[in-house]
């Protein structure tokens, strides 16, 4: 399988390049070429991760290399236009989250993918972190979605003064939906603005209910005293506590305790390389498997509408998203989410 990648900046080099390199070593894929507007970055990426050639023009690379799949790891504001162009050429696409700046861009990409039946996967890596995957397996074994009473998820970061933290917060939104195994039904959102920390800096709390009846709470604190991420899940006679980050707050690790009837039923500790612990190799490998076997990769663009709707709501500081009302009235989410309860 011939792989090309677009975007050779810091995030791609830190996260996706190592996963691509490992896939070439363990799976025998062909790292054909990488592309970036910055010729120096493209060449450094090529040399570091083992790609054969580097380019500064996307279409030239596609025409010369005829890739079987493309990885798109670029700034969010250019993702949609590039993705649509690639998809319309029928090339299976692995793209960095979030898939666009909002639901309108997501819908453009979905329409292109659906029209050409082009496989695609969004890089929501939490789903492929071993600690999250193991938690999901335990839930599937012991508890149907409607039996889960509550999911509490917390994402804290240190000194993240992003004007728009919603593009990071979407990771938590997707992780909760994945663990709930049920779509969101309604979500209330509260905000704590901190203008003295910078324009747009704010903490968010999302309180909601899934269609299964599960109550969810997501706390997002971008400027806390410690970087951490984790969740606690409660059901009758079951509690699962999981930590996604290591003690230093920088290295994705993974630790899980499953308690049943007040006894520790399982303790799960993740080891191995960083790209295994943080799910980036797992998600890329799953994408390659799906394309090779003719299956739909997951999560695809079609599975991201709720996550993007909530991301957009955070950016617009909307107080409520009612997916049930959206479904009943067959309205676009932006016509409903601004309504007060």
Protein backbone atom coordinates (compact mmCIF):
# COMPACT_ATOMS: atom_id res chain seq x y z
CA UNK A 1 0.00 0.00 0.00
CA UNK A 2 1.44 3.35 -1.10
CA UNK A 3 1.05 6.16 1.46
CA UNK A 4 1.45 9.90 0.98
CA UNK A 5 1.10 12.49 3.73
CA UNK A 6 0.26 16.19 3.56
CA UNK A 7 1.47 18.48 6.34
CA UNK A 8 4.92 18.12 7.89
CA UNK A 9 4.70 20.54 10.81
CA UNK A 10 5.12 20.05 14.53
CA UNK A 11 2.00 17.99 15.27
CA UNK A 12 2.52 15.73 12.29
CA UNK A 13 6.18 15.23 13.22
CA UNK A 14 5.46 14.58 16.89
CA UNK A 15 2.46 12.29 16.45
CA UNK A 16 1.73 10.94 12.99
CA UNK A 17 5.21 10.60 11.53
CA UNK A 18 6.30 8.06 14.16
CA UNK A 19 3.11 6.05 13.59
CA UNK A 20 3.69 6.05 9.82
CA UNK A 21 7.28 4.97 10.33
CA UNK A 22 6.23 2.10 12.59
CA UNK A 23 3.57 1.01 10.10
CA UNK A 24 6.20 0.89 7.37
CA UNK A 25 8.42 -1.26 9.58
CA UNK A 26 5.77 -3.64 10.89
CA UNK A 27 3.20 -3.72 8.10
CA UNK A 28 5.35 -3.20 5.03
CA UNK A 29 3.49 -0.16 3.71
CA UNK A 30 5.31 2.03 1.21
CA UNK A 31 5.98 5.58 2.45
CA UNK A 32 6.04 7.14 -0.99
CA UNK A 33 6.08 10.89 -0.39
CA UNK A 34 5.31 13.76 1.96
CA UNK A 35 4.25 17.29 1.11
CA UNK A 36 4.41 20.70 2.78
CA UNK A 37 4.42 24.27 1.52
CA UNK A 38 7.66 24.68 3.46
CA UNK A 39 10.25 22.79 1.42
CA UNK A 40 12.63 22.50 4.38
CA UNK A 41 9.96 20.95 6.61
CA UNK A 42 8.96 18.50 3.89
CA UNK A 43 12.54 17.37 3.36
CA UNK A 44 13.21 17.01 7.09
CA UNK A 45 10.04 14.92 7.46
CA UNK A 46 11.06 12.73 4.53
CA UNK A 47 14.51 12.08 5.95
CA UNK A 48 13.33 11.54 9.52
CA UNK A 49 10.51 9.09 8.86
CA UNK A 50 11.69 7.29 5.75
CA UNK A 51 9.57 8.69 2.92
CA UNK A 52 11.12 8.35 -0.53
CA UNK A 53 10.37 11.83 -1.89
CA UNK A 54 9.16 15.22 -0.70
CA UNK A 55 7.03 17.80 -2.48
CA UNK A 56 5.70 21.32 -2.02
CA UNK A 57 2.69 20.91 -4.33
CA UNK A 58 -0.10 18.49 -3.44
CA UNK A 59 -1.45 17.80 -6.91
CA UNK A 60 2.01 17.23 -8.33
CA UNK A 61 2.61 14.64 -5.61
CA UNK A 62 -0.72 12.92 -6.28
CA UNK A 63 -0.19 12.85 -10.05
CA UNK A 64 3.32 11.43 -9.79
CA UNK A 65 2.85 9.02 -6.90
CA UNK A 66 -0.73 7.71 -7.41
CA UNK A 67 -1.10 6.98 -3.67
CA UNK A 68 -3.43 4.31 -2.32
CA UNK A 69 -4.17 6.46 0.76
CA UNK A 70 -3.41 10.00 1.91
CA UNK A 71 -2.90 11.36 5.42
CA UNK A 72 -3.99 14.98 5.82
CA UNK A 73 -2.43 16.68 8.85
CA UNK A 74 -2.88 20.41 8.28
CA UNK A 75 -4.28 23.45 10.15
CA UNK A 76 -8.03 23.20 10.71
CA UNK A 77 -8.92 26.22 8.57
CA UNK A 78 -7.55 24.57 5.40
CA UNK A 79 -8.67 21.00 6.12
CA UNK A 80 -12.03 21.12 4.35
CA UNK A 81 -10.95 22.44 0.95
CA UNK A 82 -7.98 20.08 0.78
CA UNK A 83 -10.01 17.08 1.97
CA UNK A 84 -12.79 17.65 -0.56
CA UNK A 85 -10.26 17.89 -3.39
CA UNK A 86 -8.57 14.64 -2.32
CA UNK A 87 -11.84 12.78 -1.79
CA UNK A 88 -13.15 13.82 -5.21
CA UNK A 89 -10.11 12.08 -6.70
CA UNK A 90 -11.26 8.86 -5.03
CA UNK A 91 -8.32 8.52 -2.65
CA UNK A 92 -9.01 7.05 0.82
CA UNK A 93 -8.30 9.74 3.39
CA UNK A 94 -7.04 9.75 6.98
CA UNK A 95 -7.44 13.25 8.38
CA UNK A 96 -6.55 15.03 11.60
CA UNK A 97 -9.30 16.18 13.91
CA UNK A 98 -11.36 18.26 13.92
CA UNK A 99 -12.72 17.63 10.44
CA UNK A 100 -13.15 21.29 9.57
CA UNK A 101 -14.16 24.40 11.46
CA UNK A 102 -17.83 23.50 11.84
CA UNK A 103 -20.78 21.45 10.65
CA UNK A 104 -21.04 23.23 7.30
CA UNK A 105 -17.50 22.18 6.37
CA UNK A 106 -18.11 18.69 7.73
CA UNK A 107 -21.19 18.37 5.54
CA UNK A 108 -19.17 19.36 2.46
CA UNK A 109 -16.64 16.63 3.15
CA UNK A 110 -19.35 14.07 3.92
CA UNK A 111 -21.16 14.85 0.69
CA UNK A 112 -17.98 14.37 -1.34
CA UNK A 113 -17.14 11.11 0.44
CA UNK A 114 -20.67 9.75 0.12
CA UNK A 115 -20.88 10.63 -3.58
CA UNK A 116 -17.71 8.72 -4.38
CA UNK A 117 -18.01 6.10 -1.63
CA UNK A 118 -14.49 7.07 -0.54
CA UNK A 119 -13.20 5.54 2.74
CA UNK A 120 -12.23 8.10 5.35
CA UNK A 121 -11.26 8.24 9.01
CA UNK A 122 -10.94 11.12 11.48
CA UNK A 123 -8.04 10.94 13.94
CA UNK A 124 -9.93 10.81 17.23
CA UNK A 125 -7.09 8.88 18.84
CA UNK A 126 -8.69 8.46 22.29
CA UNK A 127 -10.83 5.67 20.85
CA UNK A 128 -7.66 3.74 20.05
CA UNK A 129 -5.80 4.35 23.30
CA UNK A 130 -5.47 0.92 24.95
CA UNK A 131 -6.91 2.20 28.25
CA UNK A 132 -10.01 3.59 26.51
CA UNK A 133 -10.38 0.51 24.30
CA UNK A 134 -10.16 -1.75 27.36
CA UNK A 135 -12.75 0.36 29.18
CA UNK A 136 -15.04 0.07 26.17
CA UNK A 137 -14.56 -3.72 26.12
CA UNK A 138 -15.48 -4.00 29.82
CA UNK A 139 -18.59 -1.92 29.28
CA UNK A 140 -19.59 -4.06 26.30
CA UNK A 141 -19.11 -7.22 28.37
CA UNK A 142 -20.94 -6.16 31.52
CA UNK A 143 -23.24 -3.24 30.78
CA UNK A 144 -25.58 -2.34 27.94
CA UNK A 145 -25.57 1.42 27.21
CA UNK A 146 -28.81 2.03 29.11
CA UNK A 147 -27.33 0.49 32.27
CA UNK A 148 -24.60 3.14 32.54
CA UNK A 149 -25.80 5.82 34.93
CA UNK A 150 -23.13 8.47 34.61
CA UNK A 151 -19.90 9.36 32.81
CA UNK A 152 -17.71 12.12 34.22
CA UNK A 153 -14.82 13.22 31.99
CA UNK A 154 -12.21 15.82 32.84
CA UNK A 155 -9.65 17.44 30.57
CA UNK A 156 -7.22 19.88 32.18
CA UNK A 157 -4.26 21.62 30.63
CA UNK A 158 -1.65 24.07 31.89
CA UNK A 159 -1.33 27.53 30.36
CA UNK A 160 -3.27 26.75 27.18
CA UNK A 161 -4.35 30.27 26.31
CA UNK A 162 -5.88 29.30 22.99
CA UNK A 163 -8.42 31.78 21.66
CA UNK A 164 -10.39 28.73 20.52
CA UNK A 165 -9.88 25.67 22.72
CA UNK A 166 -12.91 23.93 21.20
CA UNK A 167 -10.72 22.17 18.63
CA UNK A 168 -8.96 20.38 21.50
CA UNK A 169 -12.06 19.95 23.67
CA UNK A 170 -13.65 17.93 20.86
CA UNK A 171 -11.39 15.04 21.91
CA UNK A 172 -13.25 14.80 25.22
CA UNK A 173 -16.62 15.16 23.50
CA UNK A 174 -15.81 12.27 21.17
CA UNK A 175 -14.36 10.08 23.93
CA UNK A 176 -17.51 10.39 26.04
CA UNK A 177 -19.77 9.58 23.10
CA UNK A 178 -17.62 6.54 22.32
CA UNK A 179 -17.72 5.27 25.92
CA UNK A 180 -21.44 5.99 26.26
CA UNK A 181 -22.07 3.93 23.10
CA UNK A 182 -25.05 6.18 22.56
CA UNK A 183 -25.60 9.51 20.80
CA UNK A 184 -26.03 12.68 22.80
CA UNK A 185 -29.62 13.81 23.29
CA UNK A 186 -29.31 17.19 25.01
CA UNK A 187 -26.36 19.14 26.39
CA UNK A 188 -26.33 22.26 28.57
CA UNK A 189 -23.11 24.30 28.53
CA UNK A 190 -21.76 26.82 31.03
CA UNK A 191 -18.72 29.04 30.59
CA UNK A 192 -16.17 30.73 32.84
CA UNK A 193 -14.57 33.50 30.81
CA UNK A 194 -11.04 34.57 31.76
CA UNK A 195 -10.25 37.62 29.62
CA UNK A 196 -7.25 38.55 31.77
CA UNK A 197 -5.60 35.35 30.50
CA UNK A 198 -6.13 36.29 26.85
CA UNK A 199 -8.84 36.75 24.29
CA UNK A 200 -11.24 33.82 24.12
CA UNK A 201 -9.73 31.96 27.10
CA UNK A 202 -12.48 30.16 29.01
CA UNK A 203 -13.33 27.02 30.94
CA UNK A 204 -16.32 24.93 29.85
CA UNK A 205 -18.66 22.53 31.60
CA UNK A 206 -20.99 20.37 29.52
CA UNK A 207 -23.87 18.62 31.31
CA UNK A 208 -25.97 16.34 29.20
CA UNK A 209 -27.97 13.20 28.61
CA UNK A 210 -27.48 10.51 25.99
CA UNK A 211 -30.29 8.74 24.17
CA UNK A 212 -29.55 5.73 26.39
CA UNK A 213 -30.38 7.80 29.47
CA UNK A 214 -26.76 8.04 30.61
CA UNK A 215 -25.95 11.35 32.27
CA UNK A 216 -22.65 12.91 31.21
CA UNK A 217 -20.50 15.74 32.50
CA UNK A 218 -17.42 17.05 30.70
CA UNK A 219 -15.16 19.54 32.49
CA UNK A 220 -12.70 21.43 30.30
CA UNK A 221 -10.05 23.52 32.10
CA UNK A 222 -7.39 24.88 29.71
CA UNK A 223 -5.38 26.84 32.31
CA UNK A 224 -5.37 24.56 35.35
CA UNK A 225 -2.35 23.79 37.50
CA UNK A 226 -1.69 20.38 35.96
CA UNK A 227 -2.14 18.66 32.65
CA UNK A 228 -4.38 15.63 33.07
CA UNK A 229 -7.21 13.72 31.46
CA UNK A 230 -9.43 10.98 32.77
CA UNK A 231 -12.91 9.68 33.40
CA UNK A 232 -15.10 7.96 35.95
CA UNK A 233 -18.02 5.78 34.88
CA UNK A 234 -20.76 4.58 37.22
CA UNK A 235 -23.43 1.89 36.89
CA UNK A 236 -25.23 -0.31 39.38
CA UNK A 237 -22.50 -2.37 41.12
CA UNK A 238 -19.81 -1.09 38.72
CA UNK A 239 -17.36 1.81 38.76
CA UNK A 240 -14.57 2.33 36.25
CA UNK A 241 -11.86 4.92 36.83
CA UNK A 242 -9.39 5.61 34.07
CA UNK A 243 -6.47 7.97 33.63
CA UNK A 244 -5.27 8.80 30.15
CA UNK A 245 -2.18 10.77 31.14
CA UNK A 246 0.89 9.80 33.10
CA UNK A 247 2.12 11.31 36.33
CA UNK A 248 4.15 13.99 34.56
CA UNK A 249 1.09 15.14 32.63
CA UNK A 250 2.91 15.03 29.32
CA UNK A 251 3.19 11.38 28.37
CA UNK A 252 0.05 9.48 27.48
CA UNK A 253 0.09 6.39 29.67
CA UNK A 254 -3.13 4.73 30.66
CA UNK A 255 -4.38 3.31 33.91
CA UNK A 256 -7.74 1.71 34.65
CA UNK A 257 -9.46 0.27 37.69
CA UNK A 258 -12.72 -1.62 37.37
CA UNK A 259 -14.57 -2.00 40.65
CA UNK A 260 -17.50 -4.41 40.96
CA UNK A 261 -19.55 -4.87 44.14
CA UNK A 262 -16.94 -2.91 46.12
CA UNK A 263 -14.11 -5.20 45.02
CA UNK A 264 -11.35 -4.51 42.55
CA UNK A 265 -12.25 -6.68 39.56
CA UNK A 266 -9.45 -5.54 37.26
CA UNK A 267 -6.46 -3.24 37.21
CA UNK A 268 -5.12 -2.39 33.76
CA UNK A 269 -1.81 -0.58 33.19
CA UNK A 270 -0.65 0.40 29.72
CA UNK A 271 3.00 0.04 28.74
CA UNK A 272 4.89 0.25 25.47
CA UNK A 273 5.88 2.99 23.06
CA UNK A 274 4.24 6.41 23.26
CA UNK A 275 2.54 5.98 19.89
CA UNK A 276 0.99 2.75 21.19
CA UNK A 277 -0.11 4.30 24.48
CA UNK A 278 -1.63 7.39 22.91
CA UNK A 279 -3.51 5.47 20.23
CA UNK A 280 -1.92 7.09 17.19
CA UNK A 281 -0.43 3.87 15.85
CA UNK A 282 -3.60 1.95 16.64
CA UNK A 283 -5.85 4.37 14.78
CA UNK A 284 -3.59 4.51 11.71
CA UNK A 285 -3.23 0.74 11.66
CA UNK A 286 -7.01 0.35 11.92
CA UNK A 287 -7.45 2.72 8.98
CA UNK A 288 -5.03 0.72 6.85
CA UNK A 289 -6.79 -2.53 7.80
CA UNK A 290 -10.20 -1.14 6.90
CA UNK A 291 -9.06 0.15 3.51
CA UNK A 292 -7.27 -3.13 2.72
CA UNK A 293 -10.29 -5.22 3.71
CA UNK A 294 -12.92 -3.03 2.07
CA UNK A 295 -14.55 -2.01 5.37
CA UNK A 296 -15.63 1.45 6.48
CA UNK A 297 -12.97 2.97 8.76
CA UNK A 298 -14.10 4.34 12.13
CA UNK A 299 -14.77 6.99 13.11
CA UNK A 300 -15.59 8.31 9.66
CA UNK A 301 -16.90 11.73 8.73
CA UNK A 302 -20.46 10.40 9.02
CA UNK A 303 -19.85 9.69 12.72
CA UNK A 304 -18.68 13.19 13.64
CA UNK A 305 -21.72 15.45 13.34
CA UNK A 306 -22.61 15.60 17.02
CA UNK A 307 -19.02 16.20 18.03
CA UNK A 308 -18.69 19.03 15.51
CA UNK A 309 -22.01 20.55 16.56
CA UNK A 310 -20.85 20.72 20.18
CA UNK A 311 -17.43 22.06 19.18
CA UNK A 312 -19.15 24.80 17.22
CA UNK A 313 -21.45 25.52 20.16
CA UNK A 314 -18.43 26.02 22.44
CA UNK A 315 -16.87 28.44 19.98
CA UNK A 316 -20.12 30.42 19.72
CA UNK A 317 -20.70 30.25 23.50
CA UNK A 318 -24.14 28.72 23.05
CA UNK A 319 -25.91 27.56 26.22
CA UNK A 320 -27.71 24.49 24.93
CA UNK A 321 -27.74 21.87 22.21
CA UNK A 322 -30.91 19.80 21.82
CA UNK A 323 -30.25 16.98 19.39
CA UNK A 324 -33.65 15.43 20.05
CA UNK A 325 -35.39 18.60 18.93
CA UNK A 326 -33.13 18.83 15.91
CA UNK A 327 -34.12 15.30 14.92
CA UNK A 328 -37.83 15.86 15.49
CA UNK A 329 -37.99 19.04 13.48
CA UNK A 330 -35.46 17.94 10.85
CA UNK A 331 -33.72 21.27 11.27
CA UNK A 332 -30.07 22.09 10.95
CA UNK A 333 -28.47 22.13 14.42
CA UNK A 334 -27.63 25.84 14.18
CA UNK A 335 -31.38 26.59 14.08
CA UNK A 336 -31.92 24.88 17.40
CA UNK A 337 -28.85 25.10 19.56
CA UNK A 338 -29.22 28.78 20.41
CA UNK A 339 -32.64 28.33 22.00
CA UNK A 340 -32.91 28.65 25.74
CA UNK A 341 -34.39 25.70 27.70
